[in-house]
Amino acid sequence: MLQLRDKIPSLDGLRAVSITLVIVSHVFIRTPPGGYVKNALLALAANGRIGVSVFFVISGFLITALLLRERHKFRRISLAAFYRRRAFRILPAYFVYLLCVGALSLLGLIPDVSREFWNAVTFTSDYQTHRDWYLAHTWSLSVEEQFYLLWPVIVVFCRKRTLVWVALSVILLDPLIRVITYLAVPSEMMDIKYMGHARADVLMFGCLAALLFQTPRFQRLLETLIRWKTPLFATAFLLAVEPFLEMRGREAYLLVVGFTAQGACITLVMVYLIVRHQGPVGVFLNSRAISHIGVLSYSLYLWQELFIGADSHSPGTVVLGLLLAFLIAEASFHFVERPMLRLRRRFDSREPINPESYENPLAPSQLKYD
């Protein structure tokens, strides 16, 4: 019997996998194109979009689980407390990065970022059409902030059964919405994949998993999928098949079925690794070193853009860039994020005892998979 007490297992490990995919993608993103074999190898290595989708699924799952737990424990959800917690968690490190990029731009050390800066500040980068490298990655943070703004309100005013239907409706309708968006503005085809409404289904897969996690029907379905080795096939699809489909079908594949397929496969793998966290893969993902990379993933995602992928790199430059990104991420975590997490405890009586780990919203669990 699975007993989850302190924190949800495997999520930090999955974050480590996610940020690794993003960083490897950025290392290869400026590599000159070659023949089919070289392009195929690059497609396998550059799974950055899948890495971002992993972040989205985890966010949907964790935020929904925490909101449901708060409702169960306190009989109501405090939106003010939720937004305050998110602000303390996200904004300090984010604005430190923006100030650094802005200062470097004013000093002429990096290209001018003034066109993108205010979109980044207002979390609307996902709907801008011009993206400078050093702020380009803020589009995904904009999508998440828009999700944080809207989804908790829906959770507050809807029953759990209604929330399930809302999540399912978004998952089923979002491919059509992406196609309609393309038909309405075909000139923006390359930018649709960044738009918040076009990635909502990926987030909703995580939300749906949290809503159904404790239900007997979902447990039986998961047992069947595990018995059929479906999580293994989902992993193979994500890391091997999906990049080739994306390379061949390009934007058309992603907009019609690609992102939905990513969300479904990632969610299945995530739930499996939560349940089977004591298996070989789970032990690896929950090891101290891998979990620590996952803890740093937010800071790494912010700062790696300054050091990785902006220009063609020699191997030595890549290694130096990775080292600098990790060092600054560590500094951000210890001197910005952790103090802010401690500070937010003073403002919220609903905060977990240890604010640096997630109080497990799924405990106690009655899932029988041992």
Protein backbone atom coordinates (compact mmCIF):
# COMPACT_ATOMS: atom_id res chain seq x y z
CA MET A 1 0.00 0.00 0.00
CA LEU A 2 1.36 3.38 -0.99
CA GLN A 3 1.63 5.79 1.91
CA LEU A 4 2.55 9.36 0.93
CA ARG A 5 3.32 11.51 3.94
CA ASP A 6 5.89 14.26 3.52
CA LYS A 7 5.86 15.20 -0.16
CA ILE A 8 4.69 13.76 -3.43
CA PRO A 9 7.47 11.45 -4.64
CA SER A 10 9.13 11.68 -8.06
CA LEU A 11 7.96 15.22 -8.90
CA ASP A 12 11.34 16.81 -8.20
CA GLY A 13 12.98 14.06 -10.24
CA LEU A 14 10.62 14.73 -13.13
CA ARG A 15 11.45 18.42 -12.88
CA ALA A 16 15.12 17.44 -13.18
CA VAL A 17 14.34 15.47 -16.34
CA SER A 18 12.31 18.40 -17.66
CA ILE A 19 15.00 21.04 -17.16
CA THR A 20 17.59 18.65 -18.64
CA LEU A 21 15.50 18.31 -21.80
CA VAL A 22 15.17 22.09 -22.02
CA ILE A 23 18.88 22.74 -21.53
CA VAL A 24 19.95 20.05 -24.01
CA SER A 25 17.48 21.50 -26.49
CA HIS A 26 18.99 24.96 -26.06
CA VAL A 27 22.50 23.58 -26.52
CA PHE A 28 21.48 22.13 -29.89
CA ILE A 29 19.04 24.81 -31.00
CA ARG A 30 21.67 26.90 -32.81
CA THR A 31 23.49 23.93 -34.32
CA PRO A 32 23.60 24.31 -38.12
CA PRO A 33 21.28 21.88 -39.99
CA GLY A 34 22.78 18.89 -41.73
CA GLY A 35 21.59 15.75 -43.45
CA TYR A 36 18.63 13.62 -42.42
CA VAL A 37 20.64 11.52 -39.95
CA LYS A 38 22.09 14.60 -38.24
CA ASN A 39 18.69 16.27 -38.11
CA ALA A 40 17.17 13.10 -36.67
CA LEU A 41 19.81 12.98 -33.93
CA LEU A 42 19.18 16.64 -33.16
CA ALA A 43 15.44 15.98 -32.97
CA LEU A 44 16.03 13.20 -30.45
CA ALA A 45 18.33 15.39 -28.36
CA ALA A 46 16.30 18.60 -28.57
CA ASN A 47 13.16 17.62 -26.70
CA GLY A 48 12.74 21.06 -25.15
CA ARG A 49 9.02 21.29 -25.93
CA ILE A 50 8.43 18.02 -24.11
CA GLY A 51 10.42 19.37 -21.16
CA VAL A 52 8.17 22.42 -20.95
CA SER A 53 5.09 20.21 -21.25
CA VAL A 54 6.37 18.20 -18.27
CA PHE A 55 6.50 21.42 -16.25
CA PHE A 56 2.94 22.23 -17.30
CA VAL A 57 1.54 18.82 -16.34
CA ILE A 58 3.28 18.91 -12.95
CA SER A 59 1.93 22.42 -12.30
CA GLY A 60 -1.61 21.41 -13.13
CA PHE A 61 -1.36 18.31 -10.95
CA LEU A 62 0.28 19.93 -7.94
CA ILE A 63 -1.75 23.14 -7.85
CA THR A 64 -5.04 21.25 -8.18
CA ALA A 65 -4.05 18.73 -5.50
CA LEU A 66 -3.03 21.50 -3.11
CA LEU A 67 -6.27 23.42 -3.69
CA LEU A 68 -8.38 20.30 -3.11
CA ARG A 69 -6.42 19.50 0.03
CA GLU A 70 -6.96 23.03 1.36
CA ARG A 71 -10.69 22.77 0.70
CA HIS A 72 -10.85 19.42 2.49
CA LYS A 73 -8.80 20.59 5.48
CA PHE A 74 -10.23 24.09 5.99
CA ARG A 75 -13.65 23.69 4.27
CA ARG A 76 -12.80 26.59 1.97
CA ILE A 77 -10.04 27.88 -0.31
CA SER A 78 -8.48 31.27 0.35
CA LEU A 79 -7.68 32.82 -3.02
CA ALA A 80 -5.78 35.64 -1.32
CA ALA A 81 -3.55 33.14 0.47
CA PHE A 82 -3.04 31.16 -2.74
CA TYR A 83 -1.98 34.20 -4.76
CA ARG A 84 0.26 35.35 -1.92
CA ARG A 85 2.02 31.98 -1.81
CA ARG A 86 2.51 31.98 -5.58
CA ALA A 87 3.84 35.54 -5.50
CA PHE A 88 6.44 34.68 -2.84
CA ARG A 89 7.44 31.54 -4.76
CA ILE A 90 7.61 32.91 -8.31
CA LEU A 91 8.15 36.66 -8.38
CA PRO A 92 11.36 37.35 -6.38
CA ALA A 93 13.65 35.11 -8.43
CA TYR A 94 11.88 36.08 -11.64
CA PHE A 95 12.27 39.82 -11.14
CA VAL A 96 15.90 39.42 -10.09
CA TYR A 97 16.50 37.74 -13.44
CA LEU A 98 14.59 40.44 -15.34
CA LEU A 99 16.54 43.21 -13.60
CA CYS A 100 19.81 41.48 -14.45
CA VAL A 101 18.86 41.08 -18.12
CA GLY A 102 17.63 44.68 -18.27
CA ALA A 103 20.89 45.96 -16.78
CA LEU A 104 23.02 43.89 -19.17
CA SER A 105 20.96 45.20 -22.08
CA LEU A 106 21.35 48.84 -21.00
CA LEU A 107 25.12 48.31 -20.67
CA GLY A 108 25.24 46.91 -24.19
CA LEU A 109 26.53 43.52 -23.07
CA ILE A 110 23.56 41.71 -24.64
CA PRO A 111 21.18 42.82 -27.43
CA ASP A 112 18.40 45.30 -26.69
CA VAL A 113 15.47 43.60 -24.92
CA SER A 114 13.19 46.62 -24.53
CA ARG A 115 10.61 45.26 -27.00
CA GLU A 116 10.10 42.13 -24.90
CA PHE A 117 10.80 43.45 -21.42
CA TRP A 118 7.35 44.73 -20.51
CA ASN A 119 5.67 41.63 -21.87
CA ALA A 120 7.89 39.63 -19.55
CA VAL A 121 7.09 41.90 -16.60
CA THR A 122 3.33 41.60 -17.21
CA PHE A 123 3.42 37.85 -17.99
CA THR A 124 2.06 38.31 -21.50
CA SER A 125 5.09 37.01 -23.40
CA ASP A 126 3.09 34.07 -24.72
CA TYR A 127 1.07 36.46 -26.92
CA GLN A 128 3.91 38.57 -28.31
CA THR A 129 5.22 37.88 -31.80
CA HIS A 130 8.85 38.98 -31.41
CA ARG A 131 11.04 37.05 -28.97
CA ASP A 132 14.59 37.98 -28.10
CA TRP A 133 16.63 34.99 -26.92
CA TYR A 134 17.29 36.24 -23.40
CA LEU A 135 13.59 36.69 -22.59
CA ALA A 136 12.12 34.19 -25.03
CA HIS A 137 11.64 31.54 -22.35
CA THR A 138 9.35 33.81 -20.29
CA TRP A 139 6.45 32.71 -22.51
CA SER A 140 6.08 29.48 -20.49
CA LEU A 141 6.12 31.39 -17.20
CA SER A 142 3.41 33.64 -18.64
CA VAL A 143 1.28 30.57 -19.45
CA GLU A 144 1.72 29.29 -15.91
CA GLU A 145 0.88 32.64 -14.30
CA GLN A 146 -2.29 32.89 -16.39
CA PHE A 147 -3.17 29.38 -15.23
CA TYR A 148 -2.52 30.37 -11.59
CA LEU A 149 -4.78 33.37 -12.05
CA LEU A 150 -7.77 31.56 -13.58
CA TRP A 151 -7.86 27.93 -12.43
CA PRO A 152 -8.06 28.52 -8.64
CA VAL A 153 -11.11 30.75 -9.17
CA ILE A 154 -12.80 27.94 -11.09
CA VAL A 155 -11.87 25.44 -8.34
CA VAL A 156 -13.36 27.73 -5.67
CA PHE A 157 -16.74 28.01 -7.39
CA CYS A 158 -17.14 24.49 -8.81
CA ARG A 159 -17.73 21.10 -7.31
CA LYS A 160 -15.20 18.37 -7.97
CA ARG A 161 -17.42 16.61 -10.50
CA THR A 162 -17.85 19.86 -12.42
CA LEU A 163 -14.10 20.44 -12.38
CA VAL A 164 -13.57 17.03 -13.98
CA TRP A 165 -15.91 17.99 -16.82
CA VAL A 166 -14.22 21.38 -17.22
CA ALA A 167 -10.79 19.74 -17.50
CA LEU A 168 -12.08 17.10 -19.92
CA SER A 169 -13.80 19.73 -22.06
CA VAL A 170 -10.62 21.78 -22.35
CA ILE A 171 -8.60 18.68 -23.27
CA LEU A 172 -11.08 17.68 -25.98
CA LEU A 173 -11.67 21.17 -27.37
CA ASP A 174 -8.17 22.62 -27.30
CA PRO A 175 -6.95 20.93 -30.53
CA LEU A 176 -9.96 22.45 -32.31
CA ILE A 177 -9.24 25.82 -30.68
CA ARG A 178 -5.66 25.70 -31.95
CA VAL A 179 -6.88 24.96 -35.48
CA ILE A 180 -9.43 27.80 -35.28
CA THR A 181 -6.68 30.13 -34.05
CA TYR A 182 -4.58 29.19 -37.07
CA LEU A 183 -7.48 29.72 -39.47
CA ALA A 184 -8.17 33.12 -37.90
CA VAL A 185 -4.55 34.29 -37.99
CA PRO A 186 -2.57 31.99 -40.32
CA SER A 187 0.33 34.43 -40.31
CA GLU A 188 0.86 33.62 -36.61
CA MET A 189 1.14 29.85 -37.11
CA MET A 190 4.67 29.70 -35.69
CA ASP A 191 3.59 31.56 -32.53
CA ILE A 192 0.37 29.68 -31.71
CA LYS A 193 2.28 26.99 -29.82
CA TYR A 194 3.37 29.62 -27.28
CA MET A 195 -0.11 31.01 -26.56
CA GLY A 196 -1.68 30.22 -23.21
CA HIS A 197 -5.02 29.08 -24.60
CA ALA A 198 -3.21 26.78 -27.05
CA ARG A 199 -1.39 24.91 -24.27
CA ALA A 200 -4.29 24.73 -21.81
CA ASP A 201 -4.97 21.05 -22.52
CA VAL A 202 -1.48 20.07 -21.32
CA LEU A 203 -2.10 21.83 -18.00
CA MET A 204 -5.56 20.27 -17.74
CA PHE A 205 -4.15 16.76 -18.03
CA GLY A 206 -2.32 17.37 -14.75
CA CYS A 207 -5.43 18.92 -13.19
CA LEU A 208 -7.55 15.95 -14.25
CA ALA A 209 -5.06 13.47 -12.78
CA ALA A 210 -5.21 15.28 -9.43
CA LEU A 211 -9.01 15.36 -9.49
CA LEU A 212 -9.27 11.62 -10.20
CA PHE A 213 -6.20 10.36 -8.33
CA GLN A 214 -8.03 8.98 -5.28
CA THR A 215 -11.07 7.57 -7.09
CA PRO A 216 -11.42 3.75 -7.22
CA ARG A 217 -12.19 3.81 -10.96
CA PHE A 218 -8.98 5.71 -11.71
CA GLN A 219 -7.00 3.33 -9.48
CA ARG A 220 -8.37 0.33 -11.37
CA LEU A 221 -7.57 1.97 -14.71
CA LEU A 222 -4.04 2.73 -13.57
CA GLU A 223 -3.54 -0.86 -12.41
CA THR A 224 -4.58 -2.06 -15.86
CA LEU A 225 -2.31 0.41 -17.66
CA ILE A 226 0.64 -0.59 -15.47
CA ARG A 227 -0.05 -4.26 -16.12
CA TRP A 228 0.03 -3.59 -19.88
CA LYS A 229 3.35 -1.70 -19.56
CA THR A 230 1.62 1.37 -20.99
CA PRO A 231 3.87 3.86 -19.10
CA LEU A 232 6.90 2.29 -20.81
CA PHE A 233 5.33 2.75 -24.24
CA ALA A 234 4.37 6.32 -23.33
CA THR A 235 7.99 7.08 -22.40
CA ALA A 236 9.26 5.58 -25.65
CA PHE A 237 6.75 7.65 -27.60
CA LEU A 238 7.80 10.87 -25.87
CA LEU A 239 11.55 10.42 -26.21
CA ALA A 240 11.81 8.63 -29.56
CA VAL A 241 8.65 8.67 -31.68
CA GLU A 242 7.27 12.13 -30.91
CA PRO A 243 10.41 14.05 -32.00
CA PHE A 244 10.27 12.34 -35.42
CA LEU A 245 6.58 13.10 -35.81
CA GLU A 246 7.29 16.70 -34.91
CA MET A 247 10.18 16.86 -37.36
CA ARG A 248 8.00 15.48 -40.18
CA GLY A 249 4.70 17.16 -39.37
CA ARG A 250 6.11 20.39 -37.91
CA GLU A 251 3.56 22.90 -36.62
CA ALA A 252 0.57 21.06 -38.11
CA TYR A 253 1.30 17.96 -36.05
CA LEU A 254 1.84 19.91 -32.83
CA LEU A 255 -1.28 22.03 -33.16
CA VAL A 256 -3.66 19.22 -34.10
CA VAL A 257 -2.55 16.27 -31.96
CA GLY A 258 1.03 16.77 -30.78
CA PHE A 259 0.50 18.74 -27.59
CA THR A 260 -2.48 16.61 -26.58
CA ALA A 261 -0.46 13.43 -27.07
CA GLN A 262 2.37 14.92 -25.01
CA GLY A 263 0.01 15.81 -22.17
CA ALA A 264 -1.58 12.35 -22.08
CA CYS A 265 1.74 10.47 -22.13
CA ILE A 266 3.45 12.73 -19.60
CA THR A 267 0.52 12.45 -17.20
CA LEU A 268 0.52 8.66 -17.43
CA VAL A 269 4.27 8.50 -16.78
CA MET A 270 4.00 11.01 -13.91
CA VAL A 271 1.22 9.14 -12.12
CA TYR A 272 3.04 5.83 -12.60
CA LEU A 273 6.24 7.26 -11.07
CA ILE A 274 4.31 8.70 -8.13
CA VAL A 275 2.72 5.32 -7.44
CA ARG A 276 5.80 3.20 -8.20
CA HIS A 277 8.31 5.55 -6.61
CA GLN A 278 10.07 2.61 -4.93
CA GLY A 279 10.91 0.98 -8.27
CA PRO A 280 14.31 1.39 -9.98
CA VAL A 281 13.34 4.50 -11.96
CA GLY A 282 11.57 5.99 -8.96
CA VAL A 283 14.60 5.40 -6.73
CA PHE A 284 16.79 7.19 -9.28
CA LEU A 285 14.41 10.13 -9.64
CA ASN A 286 14.05 10.46 -5.87
CA SER A 287 17.79 10.27 -5.19
CA ARG A 288 19.28 13.27 -3.45
CA ALA A 289 21.29 14.51 -6.44
CA ILE A 290 18.45 14.25 -8.97
CA SER A 291 15.89 15.71 -6.57
CA HIS A 292 18.22 18.65 -5.92
CA ILE A 293 18.39 19.40 -9.64
CA GLY A 294 14.60 19.34 -9.61
CA VAL A 295 14.53 21.77 -6.68
CA LEU A 296 16.81 24.08 -8.69
CA SER A 297 14.80 23.65 -11.89
CA TYR A 298 12.97 26.98 -11.63
CA SER A 299 16.18 28.97 -11.15
CA LEU A 300 17.93 26.90 -13.79
CA TYR A 301 15.13 27.57 -16.24
CA LEU A 302 15.46 31.30 -15.61
CA TRP A 303 19.23 31.64 -15.80
CA GLN A 304 20.30 29.07 -18.39
CA GLU A 305 19.11 31.39 -21.16
CA LEU A 306 22.01 33.76 -20.43
CA PHE A 307 24.66 31.09 -20.91
CA ILE A 308 23.32 28.39 -23.25
CA GLY A 309 22.24 28.37 -26.85
CA ALA A 310 22.40 32.03 -27.83
CA ASP A 311 25.23 31.38 -30.30
CA SER A 312 27.11 28.41 -31.64
CA HIS A 313 29.31 27.02 -28.88
CA SER A 314 32.46 24.99 -28.66
CA PRO A 315 32.27 22.06 -26.20
CA GLY A 316 34.38 23.98 -23.69
CA THR A 317 32.09 26.99 -23.85
CA VAL A 318 29.05 24.77 -23.36
CA VAL A 319 30.56 23.19 -20.25
CA LEU A 320 31.47 26.61 -18.85
CA GLY A 321 27.97 27.91 -19.58
CA LEU A 322 26.39 24.93 -17.82
CA LEU A 323 28.64 25.42 -14.81
CA LEU A 324 27.79 29.12 -14.56
CA ALA A 325 24.06 28.42 -14.94
CA PHE A 326 24.17 25.90 -12.08
CA LEU A 327 26.21 28.19 -9.84
CA ILE A 328 23.84 31.11 -10.33
CA ALA A 329 20.81 28.83 -9.89
CA GLU A 330 22.25 27.65 -6.57
CA ALA A 331 22.81 31.26 -5.51
CA SER A 332 19.28 32.21 -6.55
CA PHE A 333 17.81 29.30 -4.60
CA HIS A 334 19.78 29.92 -1.41
CA PHE A 335 19.77 33.72 -1.33
CA VAL A 336 16.45 34.59 -3.01
CA GLU A 337 14.01 31.68 -3.09
CA ARG A 338 14.61 30.10 0.33
CA PRO A 339 14.47 33.40 2.26
CA MET A 340 11.22 34.27 0.47
CA LEU A 341 9.75 30.86 1.27
CA ARG A 342 10.61 31.36 4.94
CA LEU A 343 9.17 34.87 4.89
CA ARG A 344 5.85 33.77 3.41
CA ARG A 345 5.23 31.48 6.41
CA ARG A 346 4.70 34.59 8.52
CA PHE A 347 1.75 35.60 6.36
CA ASP A 348 -0.08 32.30 6.01
CA SER A 349 -1.33 30.02 8.79
CA ARG A 350 -2.11 27.40 6.13
CA GLU A 351 1.53 27.08 5.10
CA PRO A 352 3.15 23.62 5.55
CA ILE A 353 5.58 23.30 8.46
CA ASN A 354 8.48 22.95 6.03
CA PRO A 355 7.92 25.50 3.24
CA GLU A 356 10.80 24.16 1.18
CA SER A 357 8.97 20.91 0.50
CA TYR A 358 5.43 20.31 -0.63
CA GLU A 359 3.12 19.07 2.07
CA ASN A 360 1.71 16.07 0.32
CA PRO A 361 -1.89 16.84 -0.67
CA LEU A 362 -2.57 13.22 -1.59
CA ALA A 363 -1.89 11.70 1.84
CA PRO A 364 -3.12 9.45 3.21
CA SER A 365 -3.43 7.38 0.05
CA GLN A 366 -5.11 3.99 -0.26
CA LEU A 367 -3.61 3.01 -3.61
CA LYS A 368 -2.61 -0.66 -3.57
CA TYR A 369 0.19 -1.19 -6.06
CA ASP A 370 2.95 -2.94 -4.08
